[in-house]
C-alpha atoms as a PDB file:
ATOM      1  CA  MET A   1     108.689  -1.772 -51.451  1.00  0.00           C
ATOM      2  CA  LEU A   2     106.034   0.275 -49.268  1.00  0.00           C
ATOM      3  CA  GLY A   3     103.400  -1.696 -47.648  1.00  0.00           C
ATOM      4  CA  ALA A   4      99.860  -1.341 -47.672  1.00  0.00           C
ATOM      5  CA  SER A   5      99.885  -0.129 -43.784  1.00  0.00           C
ATOM      6  CA  PHE A   6     102.043   2.471 -44.849  1.00  0.00           C
ATOM      7  CA  PHE A   7      99.859   3.826 -47.378  1.00  0.00           C
ATOM      8  CA  ARG A   8      96.903   3.246 -45.165  1.00  0.00           C
ATOM      9  CA  THR A   9      98.480   5.556 -42.526  1.00  0.00           C
ATOM     10  CA  LEU A  10      99.719   8.185 -45.033  1.00  0.00           C
ATOM     11  CA  PHE A  11      95.878   8.588 -46.193  1.00  0.00           C
ATOM     12  CA  TYR A  12      94.499   8.976 -42.361  1.00  0.00           C
ATOM     13  CA  ALA A  13      97.179  11.479 -41.872  1.00  0.00           C
ATOM     14  CA  LEU A  14      96.346  13.510 -44.917  1.00  0.00           C
ATOM     15  CA  PHE A  15      92.740  13.257 -44.223  1.00  0.00           C
ATOM     16  CA  ALA A  16      93.225  14.602 -40.777  1.00  0.00           C
ATOM     17  CA  ILE A  17      95.053  17.462 -41.965  1.00  0.00           C
ATOM     18  CA  ILE A  18      92.256  18.215 -44.572  1.00  0.00           C
ATOM     19  CA  LEU A  19      89.611  18.151 -41.715  1.00  0.00           C
ATOM     20  CA  TYR A  20      91.898  20.509 -39.512  1.00  0.00           C
ATOM     21  CA  LEU A  21      92.264  22.894 -42.511  1.00  0.00           C
ATOM     22  CA  CYS A  22      88.490  22.867 -43.279  1.00  0.00           C
ATOM     23  CA  THR A  23      87.815  23.540 -39.590  1.00  0.00           C
ATOM     24  CA  LEU A  24      89.930  26.304 -39.607  1.00  0.00           C
ATOM     25  CA  PHE A  25      88.583  27.873 -42.716  1.00  0.00           C
ATOM     26  CA  GLU A  26      85.102  27.274 -41.500  1.00  0.00           C
ATOM     27  CA  THR A  27      85.706  29.137 -38.118  1.00  0.00           C
ATOM     28  CA  ASP A  28      87.581  31.919 -39.747  1.00  0.00           C
ATOM     29  CA  MET A  29      84.288  32.450 -42.247  1.00  0.00           C
ATOM     30  CA  ASP A  30      81.849  32.139 -39.035  1.00  0.00           C
ATOM     31  CA  THR A  31      83.844  34.944 -37.336  1.00  0.00           C
ATOM     32  CA  GLN A  32      84.191  37.107 -40.652  1.00  0.00           C
ATOM     33  CA  GLN A  33      80.316  36.740 -40.914  1.00  0.00           C
ATOM     34  CA  GLN A  34      79.598  37.229 -37.272  1.00  0.00           C
ATOM     35  CA  PHE A  35      81.849  40.344 -37.408  1.00  0.00           C
ATOM     36  CA  LYS A  36      80.151  41.707 -40.638  1.00  0.00           C
ATOM     37  CA  GLN A  37      76.539  41.079 -38.846  1.00  0.00           C
ATOM     38  CA  ALA A  38      77.702  43.004 -35.828  1.00  0.00           C
ATOM     39  CA  MET A  39      79.153  45.968 -37.911  1.00  0.00           C
ATOM     40  CA  ALA A  40      76.024  46.213 -39.902  1.00  0.00           C
ATOM     41  CA  GLY A  41      73.735  46.916 -36.805  1.00  0.00           C
ATOM     42  CA  CYS A  42      76.526  49.545 -36.028  1.00  0.00           C
ATOM     43  CA  ARG A  43      76.231  50.924 -39.398  1.00  0.00           C
ATOM     44  CA  ASP A  44      72.584  51.011 -39.258  1.00  0.00           C
ATOM     45  CA  ILE A  45      72.649  53.290 -36.011  1.00  0.00           C
ATOM     46  CA  PHE A  46      75.347  55.229 -37.652  1.00  0.00           C
ATOM     47  CA  SER A  47      73.330  56.146 -41.062  1.00  0.00           C
ATOM     48  CA  LYS A  48      70.060  56.830 -38.874  1.00  0.00           C
ATOM     49  CA  LYS A  49      71.975  59.271 -36.759  1.00  0.00           C
ATOM     50  CA  LEU A  50      73.506  60.803 -40.026  1.00  0.00           C
ATOM     51  CA  HIS A  51      69.669  61.495 -41.201  1.00  0.00           C
ATOM     52  CA  ASP A  52      68.751  62.940 -37.903  1.00  0.00           C
ATOM     53  CA  TYR A  53      71.787  65.055 -36.976  1.00  0.00           C
ATOM     54  CA  GLY A  54      73.928  65.372 -40.001  1.00  0.00           C
ATOM     55  CA  ALA A  55      77.632  64.754 -39.658  1.00  0.00           C
ATOM     56  CA  ALA A  56      77.768  67.352 -36.859  1.00  0.00           C
ATOM     57  CA  TRP A  57      80.770  65.199 -35.084  1.00  0.00           C
ATOM     58  CA  ARG A  58      82.907  66.718 -37.797  1.00  0.00           C
ATOM     59  CA  ILE A  59      83.387  69.724 -35.528  1.00  0.00           C
ATOM     60  CA  MET A  60      84.913  67.409 -32.821  1.00  0.00           C
ATOM     61  CA  ARG A  61      88.733  67.295 -32.319  1.00  0.00           C
ATOM     62  CA  PRO A  62      90.086  63.558 -31.929  1.00  0.00           C
ATOM     63  CA  SER A  63      90.640  64.224 -28.168  1.00  0.00           C
ATOM     64  CA  SER A  64      87.096  64.893 -27.742  1.00  0.00           C
ATOM     65  CA  VAL A  65      86.300  61.492 -29.669  1.00  0.00           C
ATOM     66  CA  THR A  66      88.596  59.555 -27.359  1.00  0.00           C
ATOM     67  CA  ASP A  67      86.740  61.301 -24.430  1.00  0.00           C
ATOM     68  CA  GLN A  68      83.542  60.134 -25.838  1.00  0.00           C
ATOM     69  CA  ILE A  69      84.367  56.482 -26.205  1.00  0.00           C
ATOM     70  CA  PHE A  70      86.284  56.741 -22.694  1.00  0.00           C
ATOM     71  CA  ILE A  71      82.508  57.761 -21.233  1.00  0.00           C
ATOM     72  CA  LYS A  72      81.006  54.731 -23.075  1.00  0.00           C
ATOM     73  CA  ALA A  73      83.409  52.360 -22.011  1.00  0.00           C
ATOM     74  CA  ASN A  74      83.702  53.325 -18.474  1.00  0.00           C
ATOM     75  CA  ARG A  75      79.822  53.220 -18.198  1.00  0.00           C
ATOM     76  CA  ILE A  76      80.036  49.493 -19.739  1.00  0.00           C
ATOM     77  CA  ARG A  77      82.604  48.733 -16.923  1.00  0.00           C
ATOM     78  CA  SER A  78      80.534  50.394 -14.253  1.00  0.00           C
ATOM     79  CA  LEU A  79      77.337  48.256 -15.224  1.00  0.00           C
ATOM     80  CA  GLU A  80      79.567  45.082 -15.156  1.00  0.00           C
ATOM     81  CA  VAL A  81      80.794  45.935 -11.890  1.00  0.00           C
ATOM     82  CA  LYS A  82      77.376  46.724 -10.309  1.00  0.00           C
ATOM     83  CA  GLY A  83      76.218  43.180 -11.820  1.00  0.00           C
ATOM     84  CA  VAL A  84      73.827  44.164 -14.511  1.00  0.00           C
ATOM     85  CA  SER A  85      73.114  41.265 -16.739  1.00  0.00           C
ATOM     86  CA  LEU A  86      75.983  41.124 -19.991  1.00  0.00           C
ATOM     87  CA  VAL A  87      72.948  40.621 -22.466  1.00  0.00           C
ATOM     88  CA  GLY A  88      70.856  43.715 -20.970  1.00  0.00           C
ATOM     89  CA  GLU A  89      69.987  46.555 -23.387  1.00  0.00           C
ATOM     90  CA  GLY A  90      72.353  48.918 -21.184  1.00  0.00           C
ATOM     91  CA  ILE A  91      75.793  47.168 -22.288  1.00  0.00           C
ATOM     92  CA  TYR A  92      75.023  46.351 -26.245  1.00  0.00           C
ATOM     93  CA  PRO A  93      74.373  49.721 -27.197  1.00  0.00           C
ATOM     94  CA  GLU A  94      77.566  51.279 -25.573  1.00  0.00           C
ATOM     95  CA  PHE A  95      79.615  48.692 -27.651  1.00  0.00           C
ATOM     96  CA  GLN A  96      77.963  49.794 -30.658  1.00  0.00           C
ATOM     97  CA  ALA A  97      78.657  53.382 -29.713  1.00  0.00           C
ATOM     98  CA  ILE A  98      82.466  52.622 -29.428  1.00  0.00           C
ATOM     99  CA  VAL A  99      82.606  51.255 -32.493  1.00  0.00           C
ATOM    100  CA  ASN A 100      80.817  54.335 -34.145  1.00  0.00           C
ATOM    101  CA  TYR A 101      82.765  56.978 -32.214  1.00  0.00           C
ATOM    102  CA  GLY A 102      86.257  54.925 -33.204  1.00  0.00           C
ATOM    103  CA  ILE A 103      85.331  55.273 -36.802  1.00  0.00           C
ATOM    104  CA  VAL A 104      84.721  59.075 -36.453  1.00  0.00           C
ATOM    105  CA  GLY A 105      88.192  59.297 -34.599  1.00  0.00           C
ATOM    106  CA  LEU A 106      89.745  57.627 -37.598  1.00  0.00           C
ATOM    107  CA  ILE A 107      87.759  60.171 -40.033  1.00  0.00           C
ATOM    108  CA  GLN A 108      88.730  62.897 -37.967  1.00  0.00           C
ATOM    109  CA  LEU A 109      92.440  61.740 -37.725  1.00  0.00           C
ATOM    110  CA  GLU A 110      92.529  61.511 -41.568  1.00  0.00           C
ATOM    111  CA  LEU A 111      90.834  64.756 -42.606  1.00  0.00           C
ATOM    112  CA  GLY A 112      91.291  67.082 -39.554  1.00  0.00           C
ATOM    113  CA  TYR A 113      88.414  68.500 -37.639  1.00  0.00           C
ATOM    114  CA  ALA A 114      86.230  71.151 -39.107  1.00  0.00           C
ATOM    115  CA  GLU A 115      84.852  74.350 -37.897  1.00  0.00           C
ATOM    116  CA  THR A 116      81.284  73.880 -39.217  1.00  0.00           C
ATOM    117  CA  GLU A 117      79.517  70.507 -40.563  1.00  0.00           C
ATOM    118  CA  ASP A 118      80.830  70.304 -43.803  1.00  0.00           C
ATOM    119  CA  MET A 119      80.077  66.578 -45.201  1.00  0.00           C
ATOM    120  CA  ASN A 120      77.153  65.038 -46.438  1.00  0.00           C
ATOM    121  CA  ALA A 121      75.730  61.777 -45.641  1.00  0.00           C
ATOM    122  CA  THR A 122      76.806  59.998 -48.864  1.00  0.00           C
ATOM    123  CA  THR A 123      80.609  61.046 -48.125  1.00  0.00           C
ATOM    124  CA  ALA A 124      80.486  60.281 -44.534  1.00  0.00           C
ATOM    125  CA  MET A 125      78.941  56.623 -45.028  1.00  0.00           C
ATOM    126  CA  GLU A 126      82.043  56.091 -47.713  1.00  0.00           C
ATOM    127  CA  TYR A 127      84.491  57.052 -45.191  1.00  0.00           C
ATOM    128  CA  TYR A 128      82.291  54.708 -42.465  1.00  0.00           C
ATOM    129  CA  ASP A 129      82.434  51.764 -44.969  1.00  0.00           C
ATOM    130  CA  LYS A 130      86.395  52.477 -45.538  1.00  0.00           C
ATOM    131  CA  TYR A 131      87.289  52.202 -42.038  1.00  0.00           C
ATOM    132  CA  ALA A 132      84.769  49.553 -41.264  1.00  0.00           C
ATOM    133  CA  GLN A 133      86.677  47.340 -43.947  1.00  0.00           C
ATOM    134  CA  THR A 134      90.232  48.364 -42.460  1.00  0.00           C
ATOM    135  CA  ALA A 135      89.049  47.123 -39.069  1.00  0.00           C
ATOM    136  CA  LEU A 136      87.811  43.671 -40.453  1.00  0.00           C
ATOM    137  CA  GLU A 137      91.093  43.430 -42.431  1.00  0.00           C
ATOM    138  CA  LEU A 138      93.224  43.912 -39.447  1.00  0.00           C
ATOM    139  CA  MET A 139      90.622  41.337 -37.380  1.00  0.00           C
ATOM    140  CA  LEU A 140      91.342  38.565 -39.915  1.00  0.00           C
ATOM    141  CA  ARG A 141      95.284  39.069 -39.738  1.00  0.00           C
ATOM    142  CA  LYS A 142      95.361  39.181 -35.879  1.00  0.00           C
ATOM    143  CA  ASN A 143      92.823  36.084 -35.818  1.00  0.00           C
ATOM    144  CA  HIS A 144      95.079  34.276 -38.144  1.00  0.00           C
ATOM    145  CA  ASP A 145      97.905  34.998 -35.936  1.00  0.00           C
ATOM    146  CA  TYR A 146      96.154  34.392 -32.566  1.00  0.00           C
ATOM    147  CA  ASP A 147      93.954  31.577 -33.517  1.00  0.00           C
ATOM    148  CA  GLU A 148      90.394  33.024 -32.303  1.00  0.00           C
ATOM    149  CA  ALA A 149      91.966  33.526 -28.684  1.00  0.00           C
ATOM    150  CA  TRP A 150      89.306  36.284 -28.115  1.00  0.00           C
ATOM    151  CA  ARG A 151      86.441  33.594 -27.998  1.00  0.00           C
ATOM    152  CA  SER A 152      87.898  32.616 -24.995  1.00  0.00           C
ATOM    153  CA  MET A 153      88.055  35.754 -23.000  1.00  0.00           C
ATOM    154  CA  ARG A 154      85.124  37.087 -21.001  1.00  0.00           C
ATOM    155  CA  VAL A 155      83.454  40.536 -22.221  1.00  0.00           C
ATOM    156  CA  SER A 156      84.573  42.259 -19.101  1.00  0.00           C
ATOM    157  CA  SER A 157      88.122  41.853 -20.753  1.00  0.00           C
ATOM    158  CA  TYR A 158      87.258  43.406 -23.726  1.00  0.00           C
ATOM    159  CA  THR A 159      86.052  46.628 -21.719  1.00  0.00           C
ATOM    160  CA  ASP A 160      89.350  46.327 -19.528  1.00  0.00           C
ATOM    161  CA  LEU A 161      91.410  46.492 -22.884  1.00  0.00           C
ATOM    162  CA  ILE A 162      89.351  49.055 -24.263  1.00  0.00           C
ATOM    163  CA  LEU A 163      90.043  51.478 -21.225  1.00  0.00           C
ATOM    164  CA  MET A 164      93.684  50.357 -21.371  1.00  0.00           C
ATOM    165  CA  LYS A 165      93.758  51.657 -25.107  1.00  0.00           C
ATOM    166  CA  LEU A 166      92.194  54.833 -23.926  1.00  0.00           C
ATOM    167  CA  ASN A 167      94.659  55.632 -21.703  1.00  0.00           C
ATOM    168  CA  ARG A 168      97.527  54.856 -23.971  1.00  0.00           C
ATOM    169  CA  THR A 169      95.507  56.976 -26.644  1.00  0.00           C
ATOM    170  CA  LYS A 170      95.425  59.930 -23.970  1.00  0.00           C
ATOM    171  CA  GLN A 171      99.290  59.549 -23.119  1.00  0.00           C
ATOM    172  CA  ILE A 172      99.856  59.891 -26.908  1.00  0.00           C
ATOM    173  CA  GLU A 173      97.372  62.963 -27.391  1.00  0.00           C
ATOM    174  CA  GLY A 174      99.263  64.601 -24.544  1.00  0.00           C
ATOM    175  CA  HIS A 175     102.664  64.080 -26.752  1.00  0.00           C
ATOM    176  CA  ASP A 176     101.155  65.928 -29.663  1.00  0.00           C
ATOM    177  CA  GLY A 177     100.358  62.497 -31.178  1.00  0.00           C
ATOM    178  CA  GLN A 178     103.937  61.523 -31.202  1.00  0.00           C
ATOM    179  CA  THR A 179     105.403  58.163 -30.097  1.00  0.00           C
ATOM    180  CA  LEU A 180     108.974  56.719 -29.963  1.00  0.00           C
ATOM    181  CA  ILE A 181     108.139  53.346 -30.396  1.00  0.00           C
ATOM    182  CA  SER A 182     104.316  52.393 -29.983  1.00  0.00           C
ATOM    183  CA  GLU A 183     101.706  52.429 -32.371  1.00  0.00           C
ATOM    184  CA  GLY A 184      99.768  55.539 -33.080  1.00  0.00           C
ATOM    185  CA  ILE A 185      96.273  56.933 -32.240  1.00  0.00           C
ATOM    186  CA  ASP A 186      94.681  55.363 -35.419  1.00  0.00           C
ATOM    187  CA  ALA A 187      96.012  51.724 -34.410  1.00  0.00           C
ATOM    188  CA  ASN A 188      94.462  52.201 -30.847  1.00  0.00           C
ATOM    189  CA  TYR A 189      91.129  53.279 -32.351  1.00  0.00           C
ATOM    190  CA  LEU A 190      90.880  50.345 -34.406  1.00  0.00           C
ATOM    191  CA  ASP A 191      91.747  48.097 -31.745  1.00  0.00           C
ATOM    192  CA  MET A 192      89.105  49.714 -29.945  1.00  0.00           C
ATOM    193  CA  ILE A 193      86.689  49.158 -32.683  1.00  0.00           C
ATOM    194  CA  ASN A 194      87.510  45.238 -32.677  1.00  0.00           C
ATOM    195  CA  TYR A 195      87.331  44.629 -28.997  1.00  0.00           C
ATOM    196  CA  SER A 196      84.056  46.304 -29.299  1.00  0.00           C
ATOM    197  CA  VAL A 197      82.715  44.118 -32.102  1.00  0.00           C
ATOM    198  CA  PHE A 198      83.995  41.047 -30.313  1.00  0.00           C
ATOM    199  CA  GLY A 199      81.889  42.040 -27.034  1.00  0.00           C
ATOM    200  CA  LEU A 200      78.790  42.509 -29.428  1.00  0.00           C
ATOM    201  CA  ILE A 201      79.590  39.036 -30.935  1.00  0.00           C
ATOM    202  CA  LYS A 202      79.847  37.591 -27.365  1.00  0.00           C
ATOM    203  CA  LEU A 203      76.703  39.400 -25.854  1.00  0.00           C
ATOM    204  CA  SER A 204      74.691  37.882 -29.003  1.00  0.00           C
ATOM    205  CA  GLU A 205      75.799  34.506 -28.716  1.00  0.00           C
ATOM    206  CA  ALA A 206      74.700  34.663 -25.046  1.00  0.00           C
ATOM    207  CA  GLN A 207      71.461  35.998 -25.859  1.00  0.00           C
ATOM    208  CA  ASN A 208      70.920  33.249 -28.420  1.00  0.00           C
ATOM    209  CA  ASP A 209      72.071  30.440 -25.718  1.00  0.00           C
ATOM    210  CA  ALA A 210      69.615  31.840 -23.283  1.00  0.00           C
ATOM    211  CA  LYS A 211      66.873  31.514 -25.638  1.00  0.00           C
ATOM    212  CA  ASP A 212      67.644  27.872 -26.586  1.00  0.00           C
END
């Protein structure tokens, strides 16, 4: 017969497993909430610019969107190298701009570019929300596989990864969008969006820590 010590050990083991699973669930929910909050800030900026300028970006070819993202990422790296505070206003808005240009790039890849502004604000926001959700779902899948590894990375590493993705994207664009084995331009845009959101989360956390 099994003794009391066996059941006591089994109980503690099951309790430890339950605590571990609860911790994983709580961490995942925290990450998801932080991701949504960061995206909400980007969405607000996108919506306000739509009000001011309309969907003027519809005339941009995807390669031009890539170049705009490069300008933003390169400026972040320049500010980091020069020693500007990571919680300063110079870097945070640039990550937000990369998120929004990344979504614009995805829209342009799906619809193609236009010769004139051909999209109203309501439709543009519907496409924005579609790709924001796609980015969130991708983040959750990768976060499950890599177990929150991004939280151990420096913000400057996200910048370098974005620049690496940009170089890959330019290579693919130089091949007319064709690849032999690599992911396509859309996958690179999504990764740039998610790296930027991670940067926004880390910068917000650093700013909150500085206030405490």
